[in-house]
Amino acid sequence: MSITLHSRKFSAGLYAIQLIVLVLLALLCMTQVAIAGSGKTKGDSAHNQVHTYGKWTVNCNQAQTKKGSIQHCSMYQERVEVKAHKRVLLLAFQRFRRKVEISVVGPFGVLLNQGVAISVDVKKTIKHLDFLTCMADGCLATGSMTNRDIRLLTKGGTAKVSFHTLNGSVISFDVPMAGFKTAWKHLPVEHAETRAVKTR
């Protein structure tokens, strides 16, 4: 019984990670098209809904499964080097029934074993994330956020995302929090974790 329960928890956690990666890959492809084009992202009313609140965007995609249509949503902000038409940072959130997942896609050339540090309004770090993998568009770090973390972000003016480089220095990106509170209210809750446990 103990082994079965642990297996279910592990499977649910692995499913959640796979879901995060898949959603981020879709998000990266979509925003890459916007970067290469006009810089604006529009949603397909049938399968993709995109809404902007201040500096934040809420993106929802419809995925077809054997049980019908499932909606996957994320809330994100990205930083782009305008001259190079290159993304240097993507900060995204997903809401599940029991937790909130945060994902950061950072640039190449950072020390993976140092992870990612996130602070608000130049105060102490509120969250440290470990890198999960590197993809074609950058390196992905993931973690969970507490209600306290979200409250700090909601009340904050600017978040700072920091990485350690190979030469020992630290590079940081400022992320304006304008619109975060409103976007958060419009970010739907995913129910994928519960389904993953029940199907086993």
N, C-alpha and C. Protein backbone atom coordinates (compact mmCIF):
# COMPACT_ATOMS: atom_id res chain seq x y z
N MET A 1 0.83 -1.21 0.00
CA MET A 1 0.00 0.00 0.00
C MET A 1 0.86 1.25 0.00
N SER A 2 1.91 1.24 0.82
CA SER A 2 2.80 2.38 0.89
C SER A 2 3.50 2.61 -0.44
N ILE A 3 3.96 1.52 -1.06
CA ILE A 3 4.64 1.64 -2.36
C ILE A 3 3.69 2.18 -3.40
N THR A 4 2.44 1.71 -3.38
CA THR A 4 1.45 2.18 -4.36
C THR A 4 1.18 3.66 -4.20
N LEU A 5 1.03 4.12 -2.95
CA LEU A 5 0.75 5.53 -2.70
C LEU A 5 1.91 6.39 -3.15
N HIS A 6 3.13 5.98 -2.82
CA HIS A 6 4.31 6.74 -3.24
C HIS A 6 4.42 6.76 -4.75
N SER A 7 4.10 5.65 -5.41
CA SER A 7 4.15 5.58 -6.87
C SER A 7 3.16 6.55 -7.48
N ARG A 8 1.98 6.63 -6.86
CA ARG A 8 0.97 7.54 -7.39
C ARG A 8 1.41 8.99 -7.24
N LYS A 9 1.98 9.32 -6.07
CA LYS A 9 2.45 10.68 -5.85
C LYS A 9 3.56 11.03 -6.83
N PHE A 10 4.49 10.06 -7.03
CA PHE A 10 5.59 10.30 -7.97
C PHE A 10 5.06 10.48 -9.38
N SER A 11 4.09 9.63 -9.78
CA SER A 11 3.52 9.71 -11.11
C SER A 11 2.79 11.03 -11.31
N ALA A 12 2.07 11.47 -10.28
CA ALA A 12 1.36 12.74 -10.37
C ALA A 12 2.34 13.89 -10.50
N GLY A 13 3.46 13.83 -9.71
CA GLY A 13 4.45 14.88 -9.79
C GLY A 13 5.13 14.91 -11.15
N LEU A 14 5.45 13.72 -11.67
CA LEU A 14 6.07 13.63 -12.99
C LEU A 14 5.13 14.14 -14.07
N TYR A 15 3.84 13.80 -13.94
CA TYR A 15 2.85 14.27 -14.90
C TYR A 15 2.76 15.78 -14.89
N ALA A 16 2.79 16.36 -13.69
CA ALA A 16 2.72 17.82 -13.58
C ALA A 16 3.93 18.48 -14.24
N ILE A 17 5.13 17.90 -14.04
CA ILE A 17 6.34 18.44 -14.66
C ILE A 17 6.25 18.34 -16.18
N GLN A 18 5.78 17.20 -16.68
CA GLN A 18 5.63 17.02 -18.12
C GLN A 18 4.64 18.03 -18.68
N LEU A 19 3.54 18.26 -17.93
CA LEU A 19 2.55 19.22 -18.37
C LEU A 19 3.13 20.63 -18.44
N ILE A 20 3.91 21.00 -17.42
CA ILE A 20 4.54 22.32 -17.39
C ILE A 20 5.45 22.50 -18.59
N VAL A 21 6.27 21.47 -18.86
CA VAL A 21 7.20 21.55 -19.99
C VAL A 21 6.45 21.68 -21.31
N LEU A 22 5.38 20.88 -21.49
CA LEU A 22 4.60 20.93 -22.72
C LEU A 22 3.94 22.29 -22.91
N VAL A 23 3.35 22.82 -21.84
CA VAL A 23 2.71 24.13 -21.92
C VAL A 23 3.73 25.21 -22.23
N LEU A 24 4.91 25.12 -21.60
CA LEU A 24 5.95 26.12 -21.85
C LEU A 24 6.49 26.03 -23.28
N LEU A 25 6.63 24.81 -23.79
CA LEU A 25 7.09 24.66 -25.17
C LEU A 25 6.11 25.31 -26.13
N ALA A 26 4.82 25.10 -25.90
CA ALA A 26 3.81 25.73 -26.74
C ALA A 26 3.87 27.24 -26.60
N LEU A 27 4.08 27.70 -25.37
CA LEU A 27 4.16 29.14 -25.11
C LEU A 27 5.39 29.74 -25.77
N LEU A 28 6.52 29.04 -25.68
CA LEU A 28 7.75 29.52 -26.30
C LEU A 28 7.60 29.62 -27.81
N CYS A 29 6.97 28.62 -28.42
CA CYS A 29 6.76 28.66 -29.87
C CYS A 29 5.87 29.83 -30.27
N MET A 30 4.82 30.05 -29.48
CA MET A 30 3.88 31.12 -29.79
C MET A 30 4.53 32.50 -29.65
N THR A 31 5.28 32.70 -28.55
CA THR A 31 5.91 34.01 -28.35
C THR A 31 7.06 34.23 -29.31
N GLN A 32 7.71 33.14 -29.74
CA GLN A 32 8.80 33.27 -30.71
C GLN A 32 8.27 33.79 -32.04
N VAL A 33 7.07 33.34 -32.42
CA VAL A 33 6.43 33.84 -33.64
C VAL A 33 6.15 35.33 -33.51
N ALA A 34 5.70 35.73 -32.32
CA ALA A 34 5.40 37.14 -32.09
C ALA A 34 6.66 37.98 -32.16
N ILE A 35 7.78 37.46 -31.58
CA ILE A 35 9.05 38.18 -31.62
C ILE A 35 9.54 38.36 -33.05
N ALA A 36 9.42 37.30 -33.83
CA ALA A 36 9.89 37.35 -35.22
C ALA A 36 8.99 38.22 -36.09
N GLY A 37 7.73 38.34 -35.69
CA GLY A 37 6.78 39.11 -36.48
C GLY A 37 6.58 40.50 -35.95
N SER A 38 5.34 40.84 -35.69
CA SER A 38 4.99 42.20 -35.31
C SER A 38 5.25 42.49 -33.84
N GLY A 39 5.47 41.44 -33.04
CA GLY A 39 5.66 41.65 -31.63
C GLY A 39 4.38 41.54 -30.85
N LYS A 40 3.24 41.33 -31.52
CA LYS A 40 1.97 41.18 -30.87
C LYS A 40 1.47 39.75 -31.06
N THR A 41 0.86 39.23 -30.02
CA THR A 41 0.35 37.86 -30.07
C THR A 41 -1.16 37.88 -30.08
N LYS A 42 -1.78 37.21 -31.02
CA LYS A 42 -3.22 37.13 -31.09
C LYS A 42 -3.67 35.70 -30.91
N GLY A 43 -4.82 35.50 -30.31
CA GLY A 43 -5.30 34.16 -30.05
C GLY A 43 -6.29 33.70 -31.10
N ASP A 44 -6.26 32.41 -31.37
CA ASP A 44 -7.26 31.76 -32.21
C ASP A 44 -8.46 31.50 -31.33
N SER A 45 -9.61 32.08 -31.66
CA SER A 45 -10.79 32.00 -30.81
C SER A 45 -11.22 30.56 -30.55
N ALA A 46 -10.88 29.62 -31.44
CA ALA A 46 -11.31 28.24 -31.30
C ALA A 46 -10.41 27.45 -30.34
N HIS A 47 -9.10 27.74 -30.34
CA HIS A 47 -8.19 26.92 -29.57
C HIS A 47 -7.27 27.70 -28.63
N ASN A 48 -7.14 28.99 -28.82
CA ASN A 48 -6.17 29.76 -28.07
C ASN A 48 -6.75 31.11 -27.66
N GLN A 49 -6.72 31.40 -26.37
CA GLN A 49 -7.21 32.67 -25.87
C GLN A 49 -6.07 33.40 -25.17
N VAL A 50 -5.82 34.64 -25.57
CA VAL A 50 -4.73 35.44 -25.01
C VAL A 50 -5.28 36.78 -24.53
N HIS A 51 -5.02 37.09 -23.27
CA HIS A 51 -5.47 38.37 -22.70
C HIS A 51 -4.30 39.02 -21.97
N THR A 52 -4.16 40.32 -22.13
CA THR A 52 -3.07 41.06 -21.51
C THR A 52 -3.59 41.97 -20.40
N TYR A 53 -2.89 41.93 -19.26
CA TYR A 53 -3.23 42.77 -18.12
C TYR A 53 -1.96 43.48 -17.68
N GLY A 54 -1.83 44.73 -18.04
CA GLY A 54 -0.60 45.45 -17.74
C GLY A 54 0.57 44.82 -18.47
N LYS A 55 1.57 44.39 -17.71
CA LYS A 55 2.76 43.75 -18.29
C LYS A 55 2.63 42.23 -18.39
N TRP A 56 1.47 41.69 -17.95
CA TRP A 56 1.32 40.24 -17.89
C TRP A 56 0.30 39.74 -18.89
N THR A 57 0.54 38.53 -19.37
CA THR A 57 -0.35 37.90 -20.35
C THR A 57 -0.86 36.58 -19.81
N VAL A 58 -2.16 36.34 -19.97
CA VAL A 58 -2.76 35.05 -19.62
C VAL A 58 -3.11 34.34 -20.92
N ASN A 59 -2.53 33.15 -21.11
CA ASN A 59 -2.71 32.39 -22.33
C ASN A 59 -3.35 31.04 -22.01
N CYS A 60 -4.44 30.71 -22.69
CA CYS A 60 -5.12 29.44 -22.49
C CYS A 60 -5.24 28.69 -23.81
N ASN A 61 -4.85 27.42 -23.79
CA ASN A 61 -4.92 26.57 -24.98
C ASN A 61 -5.85 25.39 -24.72
N GLN A 62 -6.59 25.01 -25.74
CA GLN A 62 -7.46 23.84 -25.65
C GLN A 62 -6.74 22.62 -26.21
N ALA A 63 -6.70 21.55 -25.42
CA ALA A 63 -6.07 20.30 -25.86
C ALA A 63 -7.13 19.20 -25.89
N GLN A 64 -7.14 18.42 -26.94
CA GLN A 64 -8.11 17.34 -27.09
C GLN A 64 -7.56 16.03 -26.51
N THR A 65 -8.36 15.36 -25.68
CA THR A 65 -8.00 14.07 -25.12
C THR A 65 -9.14 13.09 -25.38
N LYS A 66 -8.96 11.86 -24.94
CA LYS A 66 -10.00 10.85 -25.12
C LYS A 66 -11.27 11.20 -24.34
N LYS A 67 -11.09 11.97 -23.27
CA LYS A 67 -12.23 12.35 -22.42
C LYS A 67 -12.84 13.70 -22.83
N GLY A 68 -12.29 14.28 -23.88
CA GLY A 68 -12.82 15.56 -24.33
C GLY A 68 -11.76 16.64 -24.34
N SER A 69 -12.20 17.88 -24.30
CA SER A 69 -11.30 19.02 -24.38
C SER A 69 -10.83 19.44 -22.99
N ILE A 70 -9.52 19.71 -22.85
CA ILE A 70 -8.93 20.18 -21.60
C ILE A 70 -8.24 21.51 -21.85
N GLN A 71 -8.44 22.43 -20.94
CA GLN A 71 -7.83 23.75 -21.07
C GLN A 71 -6.57 23.85 -20.22
N HIS A 72 -5.47 24.27 -20.84
CA HIS A 72 -4.22 24.50 -20.13
C HIS A 72 -3.90 25.99 -20.20
N CYS A 73 -3.71 26.60 -19.04
CA CYS A 73 -3.49 28.05 -18.99
C CYS A 73 -2.18 28.40 -18.28
N SER A 74 -1.59 29.49 -18.68
CA SER A 74 -0.40 30.00 -18.02
C SER A 74 -0.44 31.53 -18.04
N MET A 75 0.22 32.09 -17.09
CA MET A 75 0.34 33.55 -16.98
C MET A 75 1.82 33.87 -17.06
N TYR A 76 2.20 34.79 -17.92
CA TYR A 76 3.62 34.98 -18.15
C TYR A 76 3.99 36.41 -18.52
N GLN A 77 5.28 36.67 -18.41
CA GLN A 77 5.89 37.90 -18.91
C GLN A 77 7.25 37.52 -19.45
N GLU A 78 7.63 38.13 -20.55
CA GLU A 78 8.94 37.84 -21.14
C GLU A 78 9.70 39.12 -21.38
N ARG A 79 11.02 38.99 -21.38
CA ARG A 79 11.90 40.12 -21.70
C ARG A 79 12.62 39.77 -22.98
N VAL A 80 12.64 40.73 -23.89
CA VAL A 80 13.21 40.51 -25.22
C VAL A 80 14.22 41.59 -25.56
N GLU A 81 15.35 41.17 -26.11
CA GLU A 81 16.32 42.13 -26.65
C GLU A 81 15.78 42.60 -28.00
N VAL A 82 15.34 43.83 -28.06
CA VAL A 82 14.66 44.34 -29.25
C VAL A 82 15.55 44.29 -30.49
N LYS A 83 16.79 44.75 -30.35
CA LYS A 83 17.67 44.80 -31.52
C LYS A 83 17.99 43.41 -32.06
N ALA A 84 18.18 42.46 -31.16
CA ALA A 84 18.55 41.11 -31.58
C ALA A 84 17.32 40.24 -31.83
N HIS A 85 16.12 40.75 -31.49
CA HIS A 85 14.89 39.96 -31.61
C HIS A 85 15.05 38.62 -30.90
N LYS A 86 15.60 38.69 -29.69
CA LYS A 86 15.92 37.47 -28.94
C LYS A 86 15.34 37.54 -27.54
N ARG A 87 14.66 36.47 -27.13
CA ARG A 87 14.14 36.39 -25.78
C ARG A 87 15.27 36.08 -24.80
N VAL A 88 15.32 36.82 -23.70
CA VAL A 88 16.36 36.58 -22.70
C VAL A 88 15.75 36.06 -21.40
N LEU A 89 14.43 36.18 -21.25
CA LEU A 89 13.80 35.71 -20.02
C LEU A 89 12.32 35.46 -20.25
N LEU A 90 11.83 34.35 -19.69
CA LEU A 90 10.40 34.06 -19.66
C LEU A 90 10.06 33.63 -18.24
N LEU A 91 9.10 34.34 -17.62
CA LEU A 91 8.65 34.02 -16.28
C LEU A 91 7.18 33.65 -16.36
N ALA A 92 6.83 32.42 -15.96
CA ALA A 92 5.46 31.93 -16.14
C ALA A 92 4.93 31.27 -14.87
N PHE A 93 3.60 31.32 -14.72
CA PHE A 93 2.92 30.71 -13.58
C PHE A 93 1.77 29.84 -14.06
N GLN A 94 1.55 28.74 -13.33
CA GLN A 94 0.39 27.87 -13.56
C GLN A 94 -0.24 27.56 -12.21
N ARG A 95 -1.57 27.62 -12.17
CA ARG A 95 -2.29 27.35 -10.92
C ARG A 95 -2.90 25.95 -10.96
N PHE A 96 -2.56 25.15 -9.96
CA PHE A 96 -3.17 23.84 -9.78
C PHE A 96 -4.03 23.88 -8.53
N ARG A 97 -4.78 22.83 -8.30
CA ARG A 97 -5.70 22.81 -7.16
C ARG A 97 -4.95 22.90 -5.83
N ARG A 98 -3.80 22.27 -5.75
CA ARG A 98 -3.09 22.21 -4.48
C ARG A 98 -1.80 23.03 -4.45
N LYS A 99 -1.41 23.60 -5.56
CA LYS A 99 -0.17 24.38 -5.55
C LYS A 99 -0.10 25.29 -6.77
N VAL A 100 0.88 26.16 -6.73
CA VAL A 100 1.17 27.07 -7.83
C VAL A 100 2.58 26.77 -8.33
N GLU A 101 2.71 26.56 -9.63
CA GLU A 101 4.01 26.28 -10.22
C GLU A 101 4.55 27.54 -10.89
N ILE A 102 5.83 27.81 -10.65
CA ILE A 102 6.51 28.90 -11.32
C ILE A 102 7.60 28.31 -12.21
N SER A 103 7.75 28.87 -13.39
CA SER A 103 8.77 28.40 -14.33
C SER A 103 9.54 29.59 -14.88
N VAL A 104 10.83 29.44 -14.99
CA VAL A 104 11.69 30.48 -15.54
C VAL A 104 12.51 29.89 -16.66
N VAL A 105 12.48 30.51 -17.83
CA VAL A 105 13.37 30.13 -18.92
C VAL A 105 14.40 31.24 -19.06
N GLY A 106 15.63 30.93 -18.71
CA GLY A 106 16.70 31.91 -18.72
C GLY A 106 17.67 31.70 -19.87
N PRO A 107 18.66 32.57 -19.97
CA PRO A 107 19.62 32.50 -21.08
C PRO A 107 20.62 31.37 -20.89
N PHE A 108 21.31 31.02 -21.96
CA PHE A 108 22.40 30.07 -21.88
C PHE A 108 23.61 30.76 -21.23
N GLY A 109 24.57 29.97 -20.80
CA GLY A 109 25.79 30.54 -20.23
C GLY A 109 25.69 30.83 -18.75
N VAL A 110 24.69 30.25 -18.06
CA VAL A 110 24.55 30.46 -16.63
C VAL A 110 24.97 29.19 -15.89
N LEU A 111 25.33 29.35 -14.62
CA LEU A 111 25.71 28.19 -13.81
C LEU A 111 24.45 27.46 -13.37
N LEU A 112 24.26 26.27 -13.88
CA LEU A 112 23.03 25.52 -13.59
C LEU A 112 22.94 25.12 -12.12
N ASN A 113 24.08 24.82 -11.50
CA ASN A 113 24.03 24.37 -10.10
C ASN A 113 23.73 25.50 -9.11
N GLN A 114 23.71 26.75 -9.59
CA GLN A 114 23.38 27.89 -8.74
C GLN A 114 21.89 28.25 -8.80
N GLY A 115 21.20 27.71 -9.79
CA GLY A 115 19.77 27.95 -9.89
C GLY A 115 19.41 29.39 -10.20
N VAL A 116 18.17 29.74 -9.85
CA VAL A 116 17.62 31.07 -10.13
C VAL A 116 17.10 31.67 -8.84
N ALA A 117 17.40 32.94 -8.60
CA ALA A 117 16.92 33.64 -7.41
C ALA A 117 15.88 34.68 -7.82
N ILE A 118 14.78 34.75 -7.07
CA ILE A 118 13.72 35.72 -7.35
C ILE A 118 13.48 36.57 -6.11
N SER A 119 13.55 37.87 -6.27
CA SER A 119 13.30 38.79 -5.16
C SER A 119 12.28 39.84 -5.61
N VAL A 120 11.74 40.56 -4.65
CA VAL A 120 10.73 41.58 -4.93
C VAL A 120 11.14 42.91 -4.29
N ASP A 121 11.14 43.96 -5.11
CA ASP A 121 11.45 45.31 -4.62
C ASP A 121 12.78 45.37 -3.86
N VAL A 122 13.80 44.75 -4.45
CA VAL A 122 15.17 44.78 -3.95
C VAL A 122 15.26 44.30 -2.50
N LYS A 123 14.36 43.42 -2.10
CA LYS A 123 14.43 42.84 -0.78
C LYS A 123 15.07 41.46 -0.88
N LYS A 124 15.09 40.72 0.21
CA LYS A 124 15.74 39.41 0.21
C LYS A 124 15.01 38.46 -0.74
N THR A 125 15.71 37.43 -1.15
CA THR A 125 15.16 36.44 -2.09
C THR A 125 13.95 35.74 -1.47
N ILE A 126 12.86 35.69 -2.24
CA ILE A 126 11.66 35.01 -1.74
C ILE A 126 11.56 33.59 -2.29
N LYS A 127 12.30 33.32 -3.35
CA LYS A 127 12.22 31.99 -3.95
C LYS A 127 13.51 31.66 -4.68
N HIS A 128 13.98 30.42 -4.50
CA HIS A 128 15.15 29.92 -5.24
C HIS A 128 14.71 28.70 -6.02
N LEU A 129 14.97 28.70 -7.31
CA LEU A 129 14.54 27.62 -8.19
C LEU A 129 15.74 26.83 -8.71
N ASP A 130 15.56 25.53 -8.86
CA ASP A 130 16.59 24.68 -9.44
C ASP A 130 16.31 24.48 -10.93
N PHE A 131 17.37 24.42 -11.71
CA PHE A 131 17.21 24.17 -13.14
C PHE A 131 16.79 22.72 -13.36
N LEU A 132 15.89 22.55 -14.32
CA LEU A 132 15.38 21.22 -14.65
C LEU A 132 16.04 20.67 -15.91
N THR A 133 16.14 21.51 -16.94
CA THR A 133 16.72 21.08 -18.21
C THR A 133 17.01 22.31 -19.07
N CYS A 134 17.72 22.10 -20.15
CA CYS A 134 17.95 23.16 -21.13
C CYS A 134 17.30 22.76 -22.45
N MET A 135 16.65 23.72 -23.08
CA MET A 135 15.96 23.49 -24.35
C MET A 135 16.56 24.39 -25.41
N ALA A 136 15.97 24.38 -26.57
CA ALA A 136 16.51 25.17 -27.68
C ALA A 136 16.45 26.67 -27.39
N ASP A 137 15.45 27.09 -26.58
CA ASP A 137 15.27 28.52 -26.32
C ASP A 137 15.88 28.99 -25.01
N GLY A 138 16.52 28.10 -24.26
CA GLY A 138 17.10 28.51 -22.99
C GLY A 138 17.01 27.41 -21.96
N CYS A 139 17.37 27.73 -20.72
CA CYS A 139 17.37 26.75 -19.64
C CYS A 139 16.18 26.96 -18.72
N LEU A 140 15.52 25.85 -18.38
CA LEU A 140 14.28 25.89 -17.62
C LEU A 140 14.49 25.55 -16.15
N ALA A 141 14.00 26.43 -15.28
CA ALA A 141 14.00 26.20 -13.84
C ALA A 141 12.55 26.22 -13.36
N THR A 142 12.20 25.31 -12.45
CA THR A 142 10.82 25.24 -11.97
C THR A 142 10.78 25.11 -10.45
N GLY A 143 9.62 25.41 -9.89
CA GLY A 143 9.44 25.29 -8.45
C GLY A 143 8.00 25.60 -8.08
N SER A 144 7.70 25.51 -6.80
CA SER A 144 6.36 25.80 -6.30
C SER A 144 6.36 27.10 -5.52
N MET A 145 5.24 27.81 -5.57
CA MET A 145 5.08 29.07 -4.86
C MET A 145 4.07 28.91 -3.73
N THR A 146 4.31 29.56 -2.61
CA THR A 146 3.37 29.55 -1.51
C THR A 146 2.41 30.74 -1.65
N ASN A 147 1.36 30.73 -0.85
CA ASN A 147 0.43 31.86 -0.85
C ASN A 147 1.15 33.15 -0.45
N ARG A 148 2.10 33.03 0.47
CA ARG A 148 2.88 34.19 0.90
C ARG A 148 3.69 34.75 -0.26
N ASP A 149 4.32 33.87 -1.04
CA ASP A 149 5.10 34.32 -2.20
C ASP A 149 4.23 35.11 -3.17
N ILE A 150 3.01 34.59 -3.43
CA ILE A 150 2.11 35.26 -4.36
C ILE A 150 1.67 36.61 -3.82
N ARG A 151 1.42 36.69 -2.51
CA ARG A 151 1.03 37.97 -1.91
C ARG A 151 2.14 39.01 -2.06
N LEU A 152 3.39 38.58 -1.86
CA LEU A 152 4.52 39.50 -2.01
C LEU A 152 4.64 39.99 -3.46
N LEU A 153 4.43 39.09 -4.40
CA LEU A 153 4.49 39.48 -5.81
C LEU A 153 3.33 40.42 -6.15
N THR A 154 2.16 40.13 -5.61
CA THR A 154 0.99 40.95 -5.89
C THR A 154 1.16 42.38 -5.38
N LYS A 155 1.78 42.52 -4.21
CA LYS A 155 1.97 43.84 -3.61
C LYS A 155 3.22 44.55 -4.12
N GLY A 156 4.11 43.81 -4.78
CA GLY A 156 5.38 44.37 -5.21
C GLY A 156 5.29 45.26 -6.44
N GLY A 157 6.30 46.07 -6.60
CA GLY A 157 6.37 46.94 -7.78
C GLY A 157 7.23 46.34 -8.88
N THR A 158 8.35 45.71 -8.48
CA THR A 158 9.27 45.10 -9.44
C THR A 158 9.88 43.83 -8.85
N ALA A 159 9.84 42.77 -9.61
CA ALA A 159 10.53 41.54 -9.22
C ALA A 159 11.88 41.49 -9.93
N LYS A 160 12.82 40.82 -9.33
CA LYS A 160 14.15 40.68 -9.93
C LYS A 160 14.49 39.20 -10.05
N VAL A 161 14.84 38.79 -11.25
CA VAL A 161 15.23 37.40 -11.50
C VAL A 161 16.73 37.38 -11.78
N SER A 162 17.48 36.63 -10.96
CA SER A 162 18.94 36.67 -11.04
C SER A 162 19.55 35.30 -11.32
N PHE A 163 20.63 35.32 -12.11
CA PHE A 163 21.38 34.12 -12.47
C PHE A 163 22.86 34.34 -12.21
N HIS A 164 23.58 33.26 -11.93
CA HIS A 164 25.04 33.32 -11.82
C HIS A 164 25.63 32.89 -13.15
N THR A 165 26.59 33.65 -13.65
CA THR A 165 27.23 33.33 -14.92
C THR A 165 28.47 32.48 -14.69
N LEU A 166 29.00 31.96 -15.78
CA LEU A 166 30.17 31.08 -15.70
C LEU A 166 31.41 31.81 -15.19
N ASN A 167 31.47 33.13 -15.37
CA ASN A 167 32.65 33.88 -14.90
C ASN A 167 32.50 34.37 -13.47
N GLY A 168 31.41 33.94 -12.80
CA GLY A 168 31.25 34.28 -11.39
C GLY A 168 30.41 35.51 -11.11
N SER A 169 30.02 36.23 -12.14
CA SER A 169 29.19 37.42 -11.92
C SER A 169 27.71 37.05 -11.86
N VAL A 170 26.89 38.02 -11.51
CA VAL A 170 25.45 37.82 -11.42
C VAL A 170 24.75 38.74 -12.41
N ILE A 171 23.85 38.17 -13.21
CA ILE A 171 23.05 38.99 -14.11
C ILE A 171 21.60 38.95 -13.62
N SER A 172 20.95 40.10 -13.66
CA SER A 172 19.59 40.20 -13.16
C SER A 172 18.69 40.89 -14.18
N PHE A 173 17.44 40.50 -14.18
CA PHE A 173 16.43 41.09 -15.05
C PHE A 173 15.29 41.61 -14.18
N ASP A 174 14.92 42.87 -14.40
CA ASP A 174 13.79 43.44 -13.68
C ASP A 174 12.49 43.05 -14.38
N VAL A 175 11.53 42.62 -13.59
CA VAL A 175 10.23 42.21 -14.12
C VAL A 175 9.14 43.10 -13.48
N PRO A 176 8.58 44.05 -14.23
CA PRO A 176 7.53 44.91 -13.68
C PRO A 176 6.31 44.09 -13.26
N MET A 177 5.75 44.42 -12.11
CA MET A 177 4.61 43.67 -11.60
C MET A 177 3.27 44.34 -11.94
N ALA A 178 3.31 45.38 -12.74
CA ALA A 178 2.08 46.06 -13.14
C ALA A 178 1.13 45.09 -13.83
N GLY A 179 -0.08 44.96 -13.30
CA GLY A 179 -1.08 44.06 -13.89
C GLY A 179 -1.06 42.65 -13.32
N PHE A 180 -0.09 42.35 -12.44
CA PHE A 180 0.04 40.99 -11.91
C PHE A 180 -1.22 40.56 -11.14
N LYS A 181 -1.72 41.44 -10.27
CA LYS A 181 -2.88 41.10 -9.44
C LYS A 181 -4.10 40.78 -10.29
N THR A 182 -4.36 41.61 -11.31
CA THR A 182 -5.51 41.39 -12.17
C THR A 182 -5.34 40.12 -13.01
N ALA A 183 -4.15 39.93 -13.55
CA ALA A 183 -3.88 38.73 -14.35
C ALA A 183 -4.04 37.48 -13.51
N TRP A 184 -3.59 37.55 -12.26
CA TRP A 184 -3.69 36.40 -11.37
C TRP A 184 -5.15 36.01 -11.14
N LYS A 185 -6.01 36.99 -11.00
CA LYS A 185 -7.43 36.72 -10.79
C LYS A 185 -8.06 36.04 -12.00
N HIS A 186 -7.49 36.29 -13.18
CA HIS A 186 -8.04 35.72 -14.41
C HIS A 186 -7.35 34.43 -14.85
N LEU A 187 -6.38 33.94 -14.05
CA LEU A 187 -5.68 32.71 -14.39
C LEU A 187 -6.45 31.52 -13.84
N PRO A 188 -7.02 30.68 -14.72
CA PRO A 188 -7.82 29.52 -14.26
C PRO A 188 -6.96 28.50 -13.52
N VAL A 189 -7.63 27.70 -12.70
CA VAL A 189 -6.97 26.63 -11.95
C VAL A 189 -6.98 25.35 -12.78
N GLU A 190 -5.80 24.72 -12.89
CA GLU A 190 -5.70 23.45 -13.60
C GLU A 190 -6.11 22.31 -12.65
N HIS A 191 -6.68 21.24 -13.22
CA HIS A 191 -7.08 20.10 -12.40
C HIS A 191 -6.35 18.83 -12.83
N ALA A 192 -5.24 18.98 -13.55
CA ALA A 192 -4.52 17.83 -14.12
C ALA A 192 -3.96 16.92 -13.05
N GLU A 193 -3.50 17.46 -11.90
CA GLU A 193 -2.89 16.64 -10.86
C GLU A 193 -3.88 15.60 -10.34
N THR A 194 -5.11 16.04 -10.09
CA THR A 194 -6.12 15.13 -9.55
C THR A 194 -6.44 14.03 -10.54
N ARG A 195 -6.57 14.39 -11.81
CA ARG A 195 -6.88 13.39 -12.84
C ARG A 195 -5.75 12.37 -12.92
N ALA A 196 -4.49 12.82 -12.80
CA ALA A 196 -3.37 11.91 -12.93
C ALA A 196 -3.38 10.86 -11.83
N VAL A 197 -3.79 11.24 -10.63
CA VAL A 197 -3.83 10.28 -9.52
C VAL A 197 -5.01 9.34 -9.67
N LYS A 198 -6.15 9.84 -10.07
CA LYS A 198 -7.35 9.03 -10.16
C LYS A 198 -7.28 7.98 -11.26
N THR A 199 -6.51 8.22 -12.29
CA THR A 199 -6.46 7.28 -13.41
C THR A 199 -5.54 6.11 -13.14
N ARG A 200 -4.91 6.07 -11.98
CA ARG A 200 -3.99 4.98 -11.68
C ARG A 200 -4.56 4.10 -10.57
